[in-house]
PDB file of all heavy atoms in Angstrom:
ATOM      1  N   VAL A   1     -45.371   5.433  -6.739  1.00  0.00           N
ATOM      2  CA  VAL A   1     -45.467   4.598  -5.463  1.00  0.00           C
ATOM      3  C   VAL A   1     -46.882   4.803  -4.951  1.00  0.00           C
ATOM      4  O   VAL A   1     -47.369   5.881  -4.853  1.00  0.00           O
ATOM      5  CB  VAL A   1     -44.442   5.002  -4.430  1.00  0.00           C
ATOM      6  CG1 VAL A   1     -44.596   4.186  -3.157  1.00  0.00           C
ATOM      7  CG2 VAL A   1     -43.068   4.960  -4.955  1.00  0.00           C
ATOM      8  N   VAL A   2     -47.496   3.648  -4.628  1.00  0.00           N
ATOM      9  CA  VAL A   2     -48.829   3.667  -4.000  1.00  0.00           C
ATOM     10  C   VAL A   2     -48.690   3.163  -2.592  1.00  0.00           C
ATOM     11  O   VAL A   2     -48.485   1.971  -2.398  1.00  0.00           O
ATOM     12  CB  VAL A   2     -49.901   2.905  -4.775  1.00  0.00           C
ATOM     13  CG1 VAL A   2     -51.295   2.997  -4.154  1.00  0.00           C
ATOM     14  CG2 VAL A   2     -49.917   3.377  -6.253  1.00  0.00           C
ATOM     15  N   ASP A   3     -48.916   3.999  -1.574  1.00  0.00           N
ATOM     16  CA  ASP A   3     -48.774   3.588  -0.229  1.00  0.00           C
ATOM     17  C   ASP A   3     -50.155   3.122   0.224  1.00  0.00           C
ATOM     18  O   ASP A   3     -51.075   3.809   0.451  1.00  0.00           O
ATOM     19  CB  ASP A   3     -48.386   4.758   0.692  1.00  0.00           C
ATOM     20  CG  ASP A   3     -48.008   4.299   2.094  1.00  0.00           C
ATOM     21  OD1 ASP A   3     -48.280   3.163   2.476  1.00  0.00           O
ATOM     22  OD2 ASP A   3     -47.466   5.150   2.905  1.00  0.00           O
ATOM     23  N   SER A   4     -50.280   1.703   0.327  1.00  0.00           N
ATOM     24  CA  SER A   4     -51.554   1.153   0.672  1.00  0.00           C
ATOM     25  C   SER A   4     -51.597   0.589   2.052  1.00  0.00           C
ATOM     26  O   SER A   4     -52.332  -0.360   2.364  1.00  0.00           O
ATOM     27  CB  SER A   4     -51.911   0.013  -0.389  1.00  0.00           C
ATOM     28  OG  SER A   4     -53.191  -0.415  -0.194  1.00  0.00           O
ATOM     29  N   ASP A   5     -50.730   1.091   2.903  1.00  0.00           N
ATOM     30  CA  ASP A   5     -50.565   0.675   4.277  1.00  0.00           C
ATOM     31  C   ASP A   5     -50.979   1.795   5.257  1.00  0.00           C
ATOM     32  O   ASP A   5     -50.484   2.874   5.148  1.00  0.00           O
ATOM     33  CB  ASP A   5     -49.112   0.268   4.508  1.00  0.00           C
ATOM     34  CG  ASP A   5     -48.831  -0.386   5.884  1.00  0.00           C
ATOM     35  OD1 ASP A   5     -49.782  -0.294   6.778  1.00  0.00           O
ATOM     36  OD2 ASP A   5     -47.830  -1.009   6.073  1.00  0.00           O
ATOM     37  N   PRO A   6     -51.986   1.455   6.109  1.00  0.00           N
ATOM     38  CA  PRO A   6     -52.457   2.563   7.026  1.00  0.00           C
ATOM     39  C   PRO A   6     -51.318   3.209   7.898  1.00  0.00           C
ATOM     40  O   PRO A   6     -51.519   4.299   8.409  1.00  0.00           O
ATOM     41  CB  PRO A   6     -53.524   1.867   7.894  1.00  0.00           C
ATOM     42  CG  PRO A   6     -53.940   0.681   7.063  1.00  0.00           C
ATOM     43  CD  PRO A   6     -52.785   0.292   6.295  1.00  0.00           C
ATOM     44  N   GLN A   7     -50.242   2.441   8.081  1.00  0.00           N
ATOM     45  CA  GLN A   7     -49.101   2.990   8.852  1.00  0.00           C
ATOM     46  C   GLN A   7     -48.438   4.155   8.134  1.00  0.00           C
ATOM     47  O   GLN A   7     -47.802   5.026   8.721  1.00  0.00           O
ATOM     48  CB  GLN A   7     -48.109   1.943   9.134  1.00  0.00           C
ATOM     49  CG  GLN A   7     -48.630   0.864  10.042  1.00  0.00           C
ATOM     50  CD  GLN A   7     -47.583  -0.291  10.265  1.00  0.00           C
ATOM     51  OE1 GLN A   7     -46.669  -0.167  10.880  1.00  0.00           O
ATOM     52  NE2 GLN A   7     -47.916  -1.416   9.640  1.00  0.00           N
ATOM     53  N   GLY A   8     -48.612   4.210   6.799  1.00  0.00           N
ATOM     54  CA  GLY A   8     -48.080   5.300   5.988  1.00  0.00           C
ATOM     55  C   GLY A   8     -46.553   5.476   6.068  1.00  0.00           C
ATOM     56  O   GLY A   8     -46.040   6.552   5.832  1.00  0.00           O
ATOM     57  N   ASN A   9     -45.842   4.352   6.251  1.00  0.00           N
ATOM     58  CA  ASN A   9     -44.401   4.429   6.406  1.00  0.00           C
ATOM     59  C   ASN A   9     -43.695   4.721   5.091  1.00  0.00           C
ATOM     60  O   ASN A   9     -42.609   5.365   5.037  1.00  0.00           O
ATOM     61  CB  ASN A   9     -43.799   3.126   7.033  1.00  0.00           C
ATOM     62  CG  ASN A   9     -44.170   2.992   8.468  1.00  0.00           C
ATOM     63  OD1 ASN A   9     -44.545   3.997   9.148  1.00  0.00           O
ATOM     64  ND2 ASN A   9     -44.178   1.803   9.016  1.00  0.00           N
ATOM     65  N   ALA A  10     -44.280   4.237   3.996  1.00  0.00           N
ATOM     66  CA  ALA A  10     -43.709   4.581   2.647  1.00  0.00           C
ATOM     67  C   ALA A  10     -43.798   6.041   2.393  1.00  0.00           C
ATOM     68  O   ALA A  10     -42.880   6.688   1.839  1.00  0.00           O
ATOM     69  CB  ALA A  10     -44.317   3.790   1.557  1.00  0.00           C
ATOM     70  N   THR A  11     -44.923   6.690   2.800  1.00  0.00           N
ATOM     71  CA  THR A  11     -45.161   8.092   2.653  1.00  0.00           C
ATOM     72  C   THR A  11     -44.073   8.878   3.410  1.00  0.00           C
ATOM     73  O   THR A  11     -43.366   9.732   2.846  1.00  0.00           O
ATOM     74  CB  THR A  11     -46.556   8.539   3.136  1.00  0.00           C
ATOM     75  OG1 THR A  11     -47.511   7.733   2.400  1.00  0.00           O
ATOM     76  CG2 THR A  11     -46.792   9.995   2.910  1.00  0.00           C
ATOM     77  N   SER A  12     -43.921   8.602   4.715  1.00  0.00           N
ATOM     78  CA  SER A  12     -42.945   9.346   5.505  1.00  0.00           C
ATOM     79  C   SER A  12     -41.503   8.999   5.099  1.00  0.00           C
ATOM     80  O   SER A  12     -40.616   9.837   5.289  1.00  0.00           O
ATOM     81  CB  SER A  12     -43.179   9.149   7.039  1.00  0.00           C
ATOM     82  OG  SER A  12     -43.294   7.801   7.338  1.00  0.00           O
ATOM     83  N   GLY A  13     -41.351   7.786   4.558  1.00  0.00           N
ATOM     84  CA  GLY A  13     -40.018   7.396   4.055  1.00  0.00           C
ATOM     85  C   GLY A  13     -39.502   8.241   2.887  1.00  0.00           C
ATOM     86  O   GLY A  13     -38.325   8.263   2.605  1.00  0.00           O
ATOM     87  N   PHE A  14     -40.432   8.915   2.233  1.00  0.00           N
ATOM     88  CA  PHE A  14     -40.046   9.869   1.166  1.00  0.00           C
ATOM     89  C   PHE A  14     -40.053  11.302   1.684  1.00  0.00           C
ATOM     90  O   PHE A  14     -40.124  12.267   0.873  1.00  0.00           O
ATOM     91  CB  PHE A  14     -40.959   9.721  -0.016  1.00  0.00           C
ATOM     92  CG  PHE A  14     -40.650   8.487  -0.891  1.00  0.00           C
ATOM     93  CD1 PHE A  14     -41.500   7.400  -0.892  1.00  0.00           C
ATOM     94  CD2 PHE A  14     -39.446   8.413  -1.595  1.00  0.00           C
ATOM     95  CE1 PHE A  14     -41.232   6.269  -1.663  1.00  0.00           C
ATOM     96  CE2 PHE A  14     -39.170   7.281  -2.429  1.00  0.00           C
ATOM     97  CZ  PHE A  14     -40.032   6.226  -2.431  1.00  0.00           C
ATOM     98  N   GLY A  15     -40.098  11.499   3.021  1.00  0.00           N
ATOM     99  CA  GLY A  15     -40.026  12.858   3.587  1.00  0.00           C
ATOM    100  C   GLY A  15     -41.364  13.587   3.484  1.00  0.00           C
ATOM    101  O   GLY A  15     -41.315  14.862   3.648  1.00  0.00           O
ATOM    102  N   ILE A  16     -42.435  12.947   3.382  1.00  0.00           N
ATOM    103  CA  ILE A  16     -43.752  13.592   3.286  1.00  0.00           C
ATOM    104  C   ILE A  16     -44.536  13.447   4.651  1.00  0.00           C
ATOM    105  O   ILE A  16     -44.580  12.368   5.196  1.00  0.00           O
ATOM    106  CB  ILE A  16     -44.606  12.923   2.140  1.00  0.00           C
ATOM    107  CG1 ILE A  16     -43.987  13.179   0.787  1.00  0.00           C
ATOM    108  CG2 ILE A  16     -46.059  13.511   2.158  1.00  0.00           C
ATOM    109  CD1 ILE A  16     -44.420  12.235  -0.322  1.00  0.00           C
ATOM    110  N   ASN A  17     -45.018  14.556   5.106  1.00  0.00           N
ATOM    111  CA  ASN A  17     -45.736  14.560   6.302  1.00  0.00           C
ATOM    112  C   ASN A  17     -47.151  13.970   6.086  1.00  0.00           C
ATOM    113  O   ASN A  17     -48.020  14.632   5.487  1.00  0.00           O
ATOM    114  CB  ASN A  17     -45.933  15.987   6.901  1.00  0.00           C
ATOM    115  CG  ASN A  17     -46.578  16.003   8.287  1.00  0.00           C
ATOM    116  OD1 ASN A  17     -47.421  15.170   8.576  1.00  0.00           O
ATOM    117  ND2 ASN A  17     -46.182  16.917   9.121  1.00  0.00           N
ATOM    118  N   LYS A  18     -47.302  12.720   6.466  1.00  0.00           N
ATOM    119  CA  LYS A  18     -48.537  11.966   6.119  1.00  0.00           C
ATOM    120  C   LYS A  18     -49.834  12.556   6.777  1.00  0.00           C
ATOM    121  O   LYS A  18     -50.910  12.467   6.188  1.00  0.00           O
ATOM    122  CB  LYS A  18     -48.375  10.514   6.417  1.00  0.00           C
ATOM    123  CG  LYS A  18     -48.070  10.242   7.868  1.00  0.00           C
ATOM    124  CD  LYS A  18     -47.704   8.810   8.134  1.00  0.00           C
ATOM    125  CE  LYS A  18     -47.197   8.539   9.558  1.00  0.00           C
ATOM    126  NZ  LYS A  18     -46.674   7.179   9.747  1.00  0.00           N
ATOM    127  N   ASN A  19     -49.689  13.257   7.872  1.00  0.00           N
ATOM    128  CA  ASN A  19     -50.842  13.766   8.532  1.00  0.00           C
ATOM    129  C   ASN A  19     -51.367  15.064   7.991  1.00  0.00           C
ATOM    130  O   ASN A  19     -52.423  15.558   8.330  1.00  0.00           O
ATOM    131  CB  ASN A  19     -50.563  13.897  10.031  1.00  0.00           C
ATOM    132  CG  ASN A  19     -50.144  12.573  10.680  1.00  0.00           C
ATOM    133  OD1 ASN A  19     -50.852  11.556  10.389  1.00  0.00           O
ATOM    134  ND2 ASN A  19     -49.160  12.496  11.502  1.00  0.00           N
ATOM    135  N   GLU A  20     -50.613  15.666   7.102  1.00  0.00           N
ATOM    136  CA  GLU A  20     -50.970  16.933   6.493  1.00  0.00           C
ATOM    137  C   GLU A  20     -51.583  16.820   5.148  1.00  0.00           C
ATOM    138  O   GLU A  20     -52.019  17.781   4.500  1.00  0.00           O
ATOM    139  CB  GLU A  20     -49.743  17.922   6.404  1.00  0.00           C
ATOM    140  CG  GLU A  20     -49.252  18.422   7.770  1.00  0.00           C
ATOM    141  CD  GLU A  20     -48.086  19.342   7.605  1.00  0.00           C
ATOM    142  OE1 GLU A  20     -47.636  19.581   6.496  1.00  0.00           O
ATOM    143  OE2 GLU A  20     -47.720  19.931   8.661  1.00  0.00           O
ATOM    144  N   GLN A  21     -51.733  15.562   4.680  1.00  0.00           N
ATOM    145  CA  GLN A  21     -52.244  15.348   3.326  1.00  0.00           C
ATOM    146  C   GLN A  21     -53.759  15.371   3.251  1.00  0.00           C
ATOM    147  O   GLN A  21     -54.431  14.643   3.987  1.00  0.00           O
ATOM    148  CB  GLN A  21     -51.665  14.072   2.763  1.00  0.00           C
ATOM    149  CG  GLN A  21     -50.139  13.959   2.691  1.00  0.00           C
ATOM    150  CD  GLN A  21     -49.509  15.177   2.068  1.00  0.00           C
ATOM    151  OE1 GLN A  21     -49.875  15.595   1.020  1.00  0.00           O
ATOM    152  NE2 GLN A  21     -48.562  15.758   2.790  1.00  0.00           N
ATOM    153  N   GLU A  22     -54.246  16.261   2.352  1.00  0.00           N
ATOM    154  CA  GLU A  22     -55.705  16.361   2.168  1.00  0.00           C
ATOM    155  C   GLU A  22     -56.263  15.191   1.389  1.00  0.00           C
ATOM    156  O   GLU A  22     -57.323  14.626   1.758  1.00  0.00           O
ATOM    157  CB  GLU A  22     -55.978  17.673   1.489  1.00  0.00           C
ATOM    158  CG  GLU A  22     -57.359  18.185   1.793  1.00  0.00           C
ATOM    159  CD  GLU A  22     -57.581  19.602   1.147  1.00  0.00           C
ATOM    160  OE1 GLU A  22     -56.732  20.491   1.402  1.00  0.00           O
ATOM    161  OE2 GLU A  22     -58.499  19.747   0.306  1.00  0.00           O
ATOM    162  N   ASN A  23     -55.529  14.824   0.332  1.00  0.00           N
ATOM    163  CA  ASN A  23     -56.024  13.700  -0.523  1.00  0.00           C
ATOM    164  C   ASN A  23     -54.984  12.595  -0.411  1.00  0.00           C
ATOM    165  O   ASN A  23     -53.871  12.740  -0.783  1.00  0.00           O
ATOM    166  CB  ASN A  23     -56.165  14.187  -1.999  1.00  0.00           C
ATOM    167  CG  ASN A  23     -57.265  15.203  -2.077  1.00  0.00           C
ATOM    168  OD1 ASN A  23     -58.359  15.040  -1.484  1.00  0.00           O
ATOM    169  ND2 ASN A  23     -57.078  16.203  -2.911  1.00  0.00           N
ATOM    170  N   THR A  24     -55.501  11.425   0.024  1.00  0.00           N
ATOM    171  CA  THR A  24     -54.665  10.221   0.158  1.00  0.00           C
ATOM    172  C   THR A  24     -55.354   9.030  -0.505  1.00  0.00           C
ATOM    173  O   THR A  24     -56.397   9.241  -1.074  1.00  0.00           O
ATOM    174  CB  THR A  24     -54.430   9.902   1.681  1.00  0.00           C
ATOM    175  OG1 THR A  24     -55.666   9.430   2.219  1.00  0.00           O
ATOM    176  CG2 THR A  24     -53.880  11.110   2.453  1.00  0.00           C
ATOM    177  N   ILE A  25     -54.758   7.880  -0.387  1.00  0.00           N
ATOM    178  CA  ILE A  25     -55.394   6.666  -0.962  1.00  0.00           C
ATOM    179  C   ILE A  25     -56.768   6.387  -0.275  1.00  0.00           C
ATOM    180  O   ILE A  25     -57.724   5.866  -0.923  1.00  0.00           O
ATOM    181  CB  ILE A  25     -54.494   5.481  -0.859  1.00  0.00           C
ATOM    182  CG1 ILE A  25     -55.045   4.313  -1.708  1.00  0.00           C
ATOM    183  CG2 ILE A  25     -54.173   5.116   0.599  1.00  0.00           C
ATOM    184  CD1 ILE A  25     -54.117   3.131  -1.836  1.00  0.00           C
ATOM    185  N   TYR A  26     -56.942   6.860   0.952  1.00  0.00           N
ATOM    186  CA  TYR A  26     -58.243   6.695   1.639  1.00  0.00           C
ATOM    187  C   TYR A  26     -59.348   7.450   0.901  1.00  0.00           C
ATOM    188  O   TYR A  26     -60.396   6.938   0.587  1.00  0.00           O
ATOM    189  CB  TYR A  26     -58.051   7.200   3.097  1.00  0.00           C
ATOM    190  CG  TYR A  26     -59.348   7.309   3.887  1.00  0.00           C
ATOM    191  CD1 TYR A  26     -60.026   6.199   4.304  1.00  0.00           C
ATOM    192  CD2 TYR A  26     -59.924   8.582   4.147  1.00  0.00           C
ATOM    193  CE1 TYR A  26     -61.188   6.295   5.049  1.00  0.00           C
ATOM    194  CE2 TYR A  26     -61.040   8.706   4.894  1.00  0.00           C
ATOM    195  CZ  TYR A  26     -61.691   7.567   5.322  1.00  0.00           C
ATOM    196  OH  TYR A  26     -62.912   7.674   6.101  1.00  0.00           O
ATOM    197  N   GLU A  27     -59.085   8.724   0.605  1.00  0.00           N
ATOM    198  CA  GLU A  27     -60.060   9.537  -0.106  1.00  0.00           C
ATOM    199  C   GLU A  27     -60.305   8.956  -1.505  1.00  0.00           C
ATOM    200  O   GLU A  27     -61.428   9.014  -2.009  1.00  0.00           O
ATOM    201  CB  GLU A  27     -59.625  11.029  -0.225  1.00  0.00           C
ATOM    202  CG  GLU A  27     -59.808  11.843   1.049  1.00  0.00           C
ATOM    203  CD  GLU A  27     -58.729  11.594   2.193  1.00  0.00           C
ATOM    204  OE1 GLU A  27     -57.671  10.998   1.800  1.00  0.00           O
ATOM    205  OE2 GLU A  27     -59.003  11.867   3.303  1.00  0.00           O
ATOM    206  N   LEU A  28     -59.264   8.457  -2.116  1.00  0.00           N
ATOM    207  CA  LEU A  28     -59.331   7.878  -3.424  1.00  0.00           C
ATOM    208  C   LEU A  28     -60.253   6.678  -3.447  1.00  0.00           C
ATOM    209  O   LEU A  28     -61.153   6.535  -4.253  1.00  0.00           O
ATOM    210  CB  LEU A  28     -57.945   7.464  -3.983  1.00  0.00           C
ATOM    211  CG  LEU A  28     -57.865   6.864  -5.371  1.00  0.00           C
ATOM    212  CD1 LEU A  28     -58.263   7.851  -6.436  1.00  0.00           C
ATOM    213  CD2 LEU A  28     -56.496   6.385  -5.641  1.00  0.00           C
ATOM    214  N   LEU A  29     -60.059   5.786  -2.472  1.00  0.00           N
ATOM    215  CA  LEU A  29     -60.838   4.530  -2.473  1.00  0.00           C
ATOM    216  C   LEU A  29     -62.357   4.840  -2.118  1.00  0.00           C
ATOM    217  O   LEU A  29     -63.214   4.057  -2.529  1.00  0.00           O
ATOM    218  CB  LEU A  29     -60.249   3.562  -1.374  1.00  0.00           C
ATOM    219  CG  LEU A  29     -58.916   2.926  -1.644  1.00  0.00           C
ATOM    220  CD1 LEU A  29     -58.393   2.146  -0.487  1.00  0.00           C
ATOM    221  CD2 LEU A  29     -59.002   1.980  -2.862  1.00  0.00           C
ATOM    222  N   LEU A  30     -62.557   5.928  -1.393  1.00  0.00           N
ATOM    223  CA  LEU A  30     -63.935   6.229  -1.082  1.00  0.00           C
ATOM    224  C   LEU A  30     -64.598   7.128  -2.055  1.00  0.00           C
ATOM    225  O   LEU A  30     -65.722   7.637  -1.856  1.00  0.00           O
ATOM    226  CB  LEU A  30     -64.025   6.858   0.347  1.00  0.00           C
ATOM    227  CG  LEU A  30     -63.600   5.939   1.502  1.00  0.00           C
ATOM    228  CD1 LEU A  30     -63.767   6.626   2.869  1.00  0.00           C
ATOM    229  CD2 LEU A  30     -64.407   4.642   1.526  1.00  0.00           C
ATOM    230  N   GLY A  31     -63.837   7.435  -3.160  1.00  0.00           N
ATOM    231  CA  GLY A  31     -64.433   8.278  -4.214  1.00  0.00           C
ATOM    232  C   GLY A  31     -64.510   9.735  -3.854  1.00  0.00           C
ATOM    233  O   GLY A  31     -65.319  10.500  -4.446  1.00  0.00           O
ATOM    234  N   GLU A  32     -63.752  10.199  -2.876  1.00  0.00           N
ATOM    235  CA  GLU A  32     -63.833  11.603  -2.393  1.00  0.00           C
ATOM    236  C   GLU A  32     -62.793  12.482  -3.180  1.00  0.00           C
ATOM    237  O   GLU A  32     -62.818  13.689  -2.939  1.00  0.00           O
ATOM    238  CB  GLU A  32     -63.628  11.746  -0.913  1.00  0.00           C
ATOM    239  CG  GLU A  32     -64.733  11.028  -0.144  1.00  0.00           C
ATOM    240  CD  GLU A  32     -64.456  10.991   1.389  1.00  0.00           C
ATOM    241  OE1 GLU A  32     -63.408  11.564   1.838  1.00  0.00           O
ATOM    242  OE2 GLU A  32     -65.280  10.291   2.120  1.00  0.00           O
ATOM    243  N   CYS A  33     -61.959  11.898  -3.939  1.00  0.00           N
ATOM    244  CA  CYS A  33     -60.988  12.674  -4.784  1.00  0.00           C
ATOM    245  C   CYS A  33     -60.707  11.874  -6.020  1.00  0.00           C
ATOM    246  O   CYS A  33     -60.897  10.644  -6.043  1.00  0.00           O
ATOM    247  CB  CYS A  33     -59.703  13.078  -4.025  1.00  0.00           C
ATOM    248  SG  CYS A  33     -58.566  11.730  -3.788  1.00  0.00           S
ATOM    249  N   SER A  34     -60.173  12.527  -7.044  1.00  0.00           N
ATOM    250  CA  SER A  34     -59.720  11.762  -8.243  1.00  0.00           C
ATOM    251  C   SER A  34     -58.329  11.312  -8.037  1.00  0.00           C
ATOM    252  O   SER A  34     -57.607  11.755  -7.175  1.00  0.00           O
ATOM    253  CB  SER A  34     -59.792  12.752  -9.495  1.00  0.00           C
ATOM    254  OG  SER A  34     -58.738  13.697  -9.410  1.00  0.00           O
ATOM    255  N   ILE A  35     -57.898  10.388  -8.935  1.00  0.00           N
ATOM    256  CA  ILE A  35     -56.536   9.858  -8.800  1.00  0.00           C
ATOM    257  C   ILE A  35     -55.543  10.948  -9.047  1.00  0.00           C
ATOM    258  O   ILE A  35     -54.441  10.980  -8.368  1.00  0.00           O
ATOM    259  CB  ILE A  35     -56.291   8.602  -9.668  1.00  0.00           C
ATOM    260  CG1 ILE A  35     -54.977   7.941  -9.284  1.00  0.00           C
ATOM    261  CG2 ILE A  35     -56.357   8.969 -11.124  1.00  0.00           C
ATOM    262  CD1 ILE A  35     -54.859   6.469  -9.616  1.00  0.00           C
ATOM    263  N   GLN A  36     -55.845  11.858  -9.941  1.00  0.00           N
ATOM    264  CA  GLN A  36     -54.877  12.969 -10.216  1.00  0.00           C
ATOM    265  C   GLN A  36     -54.685  13.872  -9.000  1.00  0.00           C
ATOM    266  O   GLN A  36     -53.609  14.361  -8.747  1.00  0.00           O
ATOM    267  CB  GLN A  36     -55.414  13.839 -11.430  1.00  0.00           C
ATOM    268  CG  GLN A  36     -55.475  13.082 -12.719  1.00  0.00           C
ATOM    269  CD  GLN A  36     -54.116  12.753 -13.302  1.00  0.00           C
ATOM    270  OE1 GLN A  36     -53.060  13.056 -12.736  1.00  0.00           O
ATOM    271  NE2 GLN A  36     -54.102  12.063 -14.462  1.00  0.00           N
ATOM    272  N   GLU A  37     -55.799  14.037  -8.273  1.00  0.00           N
ATOM    273  CA  GLU A  37     -55.778  14.886  -7.034  1.00  0.00           C
ATOM    274  C   GLU A  37     -54.987  14.184  -5.912  1.00  0.00           C
ATOM    275  O   GLU A  37     -54.404  14.815  -5.020  1.00  0.00           O
ATOM    276  CB  GLU A  37     -57.159  15.176  -6.532  1.00  0.00           C
ATOM    277  CG  GLU A  37     -57.875  16.161  -7.436  1.00  0.00           C
ATOM    278  CD  GLU A  37     -59.356  16.258  -7.073  1.00  0.00           C
ATOM    279  OE1 GLU A  37     -59.974  15.269  -6.599  1.00  0.00           O
ATOM    280  OE2 GLU A  37     -59.936  17.350  -7.234  1.00  0.00           O
ATOM    281  N   ALA A  38     -54.909  12.780  -5.928  1.00  0.00           N
ATOM    282  CA  ALA A  38     -54.280  12.048  -4.870  1.00  0.00           C
ATOM    283  C   ALA A  38     -52.749  11.924  -5.075  1.00  0.00           C
ATOM    284  O   ALA A  38     -52.010  11.687  -4.168  1.00  0.00           O
ATOM    285  CB  ALA A  38     -54.872  10.720  -4.768  1.00  0.00           C
ATOM    286  N   ILE A  39     -52.294  12.148  -6.321  1.00  0.00           N
ATOM    287  CA  ILE A  39     -50.852  11.970  -6.652  1.00  0.00           C
ATOM    288  C   ILE A  39     -50.042  13.216  -6.238  1.00  0.00           C
ATOM    289  O   ILE A  39     -50.387  14.284  -6.557  1.00  0.00           O
ATOM    290  CB  ILE A  39     -50.674  11.641  -8.111  1.00  0.00           C
ATOM    291  CG1 ILE A  39     -51.303  10.324  -8.462  1.00  0.00           C
ATOM    292  CG2 ILE A  39     -49.199  11.595  -8.424  1.00  0.00           C
ATOM    293  CD1 ILE A  39     -51.331  10.023 -10.007  1.00  0.00           C
ATOM    294  N   ILE A  40     -49.032  12.967  -5.448  1.00  0.00           N
ATOM    295  CA  ILE A  40     -47.976  14.028  -5.202  1.00  0.00           C
ATOM    296  C   ILE A  40     -46.927  13.857  -6.239  1.00  0.00           C
ATOM    297  O   ILE A  40     -46.177  12.854  -6.177  1.00  0.00           O
ATOM    298  CB  ILE A  40     -47.455  13.963  -3.739  1.00  0.00           C
ATOM    299  CG1 ILE A  40     -48.517  14.047  -2.718  1.00  0.00           C
ATOM    300  CG2 ILE A  40     -46.443  15.051  -3.540  1.00  0.00           C
ATOM    301  CD1 ILE A  40     -48.066  13.778  -1.302  1.00  0.00           C
TER     302      ILE A  40
END
């Protein structure tokens, strides 16, 4: 699942605390992490 919505509802809908994530799609799009690092 790729949560591409800034509201992050798909993330929290799977029981993940969206505000505690170091690597998200945001970091991925800006080249600050690899896709492997972004996947939970």
